[in-house]
């Protein structure tokens, strides 16, 4: 291989390309979760929260839903990135598309 440091960068391009989609999923999920939590907080969703803990409920729900939503985008890309890094370390060079096709053929969706 070319070296341990260069192996870390193998597969970085798919990760960089998916970053806008990851952020979009995170923010969309956050918005959905926050609106859901505010709607279930009380009979009057626009009423001020009774405590700081109650005020953080919508933020917590938004973060959880946003994190779950973006994980569906990031996890497959991370799998391809790690497989590319391992292939690079073993001296086998392949592109990201070939890695995606091989992963799909062996693992599926």
Protein backbone atom coordinates (compact mmCIF):
# COMPACT_ATOMS: atom_id res chain seq x y z
CA UNK A 1 0.00 0.00 0.00
CA UNK A 2 0.98 3.65 -0.15
CA UNK A 3 0.94 4.13 3.59
CA UNK A 4 -1.31 4.21 6.59
CA UNK A 5 -2.05 7.92 6.32
CA UNK A 6 -3.19 7.70 2.70
CA UNK A 7 -5.39 4.71 3.57
CA UNK A 8 -7.38 6.95 5.89
CA UNK A 9 -8.33 9.17 2.94
CA UNK A 10 -9.47 6.28 0.74
CA UNK A 11 -13.21 6.51 0.32
CA UNK A 12 -13.43 10.12 1.48
CA UNK A 13 -14.96 11.37 -1.77
CA UNK A 14 -18.29 9.49 -1.39
CA UNK A 15 -18.51 10.78 2.16
CA UNK A 16 -17.95 14.36 1.00
CA UNK A 17 -20.57 13.98 -1.73
CA UNK A 18 -23.23 12.72 0.67
CA UNK A 19 -22.66 15.47 3.24
CA UNK A 20 -25.33 17.85 1.84
CA UNK A 21 -27.90 15.04 1.81
CA UNK A 22 -26.89 14.05 5.35
CA UNK A 23 -27.39 17.61 6.60
CA UNK A 24 -30.72 17.93 4.79
CA UNK A 25 -31.99 14.72 6.42
CA UNK A 26 -30.74 15.87 9.82
CA UNK A 27 -32.43 19.27 9.66
CA UNK A 28 -35.66 17.91 8.15
CA UNK A 29 -35.86 15.22 10.82
CA UNK A 30 -35.08 17.76 13.53
CA UNK A 31 -37.91 19.99 12.33
CA UNK A 32 -40.39 17.12 12.24
CA UNK A 33 -39.40 15.91 15.70
CA UNK A 34 -39.49 19.36 17.21
CA UNK A 35 -42.94 20.12 15.76
CA UNK A 36 -44.22 16.75 16.93
CA UNK A 37 -42.94 17.27 20.47
CA UNK A 38 -44.34 20.81 20.66
CA UNK A 39 -47.71 19.53 19.48
CA UNK A 40 -47.76 16.84 22.18
CA UNK A 41 -46.38 19.04 24.96
CA UNK A 42 -49.65 20.48 26.14
CA UNK A 43 -53.15 21.40 25.08
CA UNK A 44 -51.76 24.79 23.96
CA UNK A 45 -48.55 24.14 21.95
CA UNK A 46 -47.68 27.85 21.89
CA UNK A 47 -47.90 28.16 25.69
CA UNK A 48 -44.57 28.75 27.43
CA UNK A 49 -43.04 25.60 28.96
CA UNK A 50 -43.45 25.09 32.69
CA UNK A 51 -39.80 24.16 33.26
CA UNK A 52 -36.42 24.06 31.55
CA UNK A 53 -36.73 20.30 31.20
CA UNK A 54 -40.04 20.68 29.41
CA UNK A 55 -38.47 23.33 27.17
CA UNK A 56 -35.76 20.86 26.13
CA UNK A 57 -38.24 18.14 25.18
CA UNK A 58 -38.80 19.40 21.62
CA UNK A 59 -35.04 19.86 21.14
CA UNK A 60 -34.40 16.32 22.36
CA UNK A 61 -37.13 14.83 20.16
CA UNK A 62 -35.91 16.81 17.16
CA UNK A 63 -32.34 15.67 17.69
CA UNK A 64 -33.36 12.03 18.03
CA UNK A 65 -35.53 12.00 14.92
CA UNK A 66 -32.96 13.99 12.94
CA UNK A 67 -30.20 11.58 13.97
CA UNK A 68 -32.20 8.52 13.00
CA UNK A 69 -33.16 10.06 9.66
CA UNK A 70 -29.60 10.97 8.70
CA UNK A 71 -28.25 7.58 9.79
CA UNK A 72 -30.10 5.96 6.89
CA UNK A 73 -27.99 8.08 4.54
CA UNK A 74 -24.66 8.00 6.37
CA UNK A 75 -24.43 4.33 7.39
CA UNK A 76 -24.26 2.87 3.85
CA UNK A 77 -21.74 5.52 2.80
CA UNK A 78 -19.60 4.81 5.88
CA UNK A 79 -19.68 1.10 5.01
CA UNK A 80 -18.37 1.84 1.52
CA UNK A 81 -15.73 4.19 2.94
CA UNK A 82 -14.44 1.58 5.39
CA UNK A 83 -14.38 -1.12 2.73
CA UNK A 84 -12.40 1.17 0.43
CA UNK A 85 -9.96 1.91 3.24
CA UNK A 86 -9.50 -1.80 3.96
CA UNK A 87 -9.03 -2.59 0.27
CA UNK A 88 -6.46 0.20 -0.03
CA UNK A 89 -4.57 -1.11 3.01
CA UNK A 90 -4.52 -4.61 1.48
CA UNK A 91 -3.14 -3.23 -1.78
CA UNK A 92 -6.31 -3.80 -3.80
CA UNK A 93 -7.49 -0.64 -5.54
CA UNK A 94 -11.06 -0.21 -6.62
CA UNK A 95 -13.35 2.72 -7.08
CA UNK A 96 -16.32 3.69 -4.98
CA UNK A 97 -18.85 2.55 -7.59
CA UNK A 98 -17.23 -0.89 -7.86
CA UNK A 99 -17.30 -1.14 -4.08
CA UNK A 100 -20.99 -0.18 -3.97
CA UNK A 101 -21.84 -2.78 -6.62
CA UNK A 102 -19.85 -5.50 -4.82
CA UNK A 103 -21.46 -4.63 -1.47
CA UNK A 104 -24.93 -4.71 -3.03
CA UNK A 105 -24.19 -8.06 -4.65
CA UNK A 106 -22.98 -9.67 -1.42
CA UNK A 107 -25.08 -7.94 1.25
CA UNK A 108 -28.06 -6.47 -0.61
CA UNK A 109 -30.14 -3.66 0.78
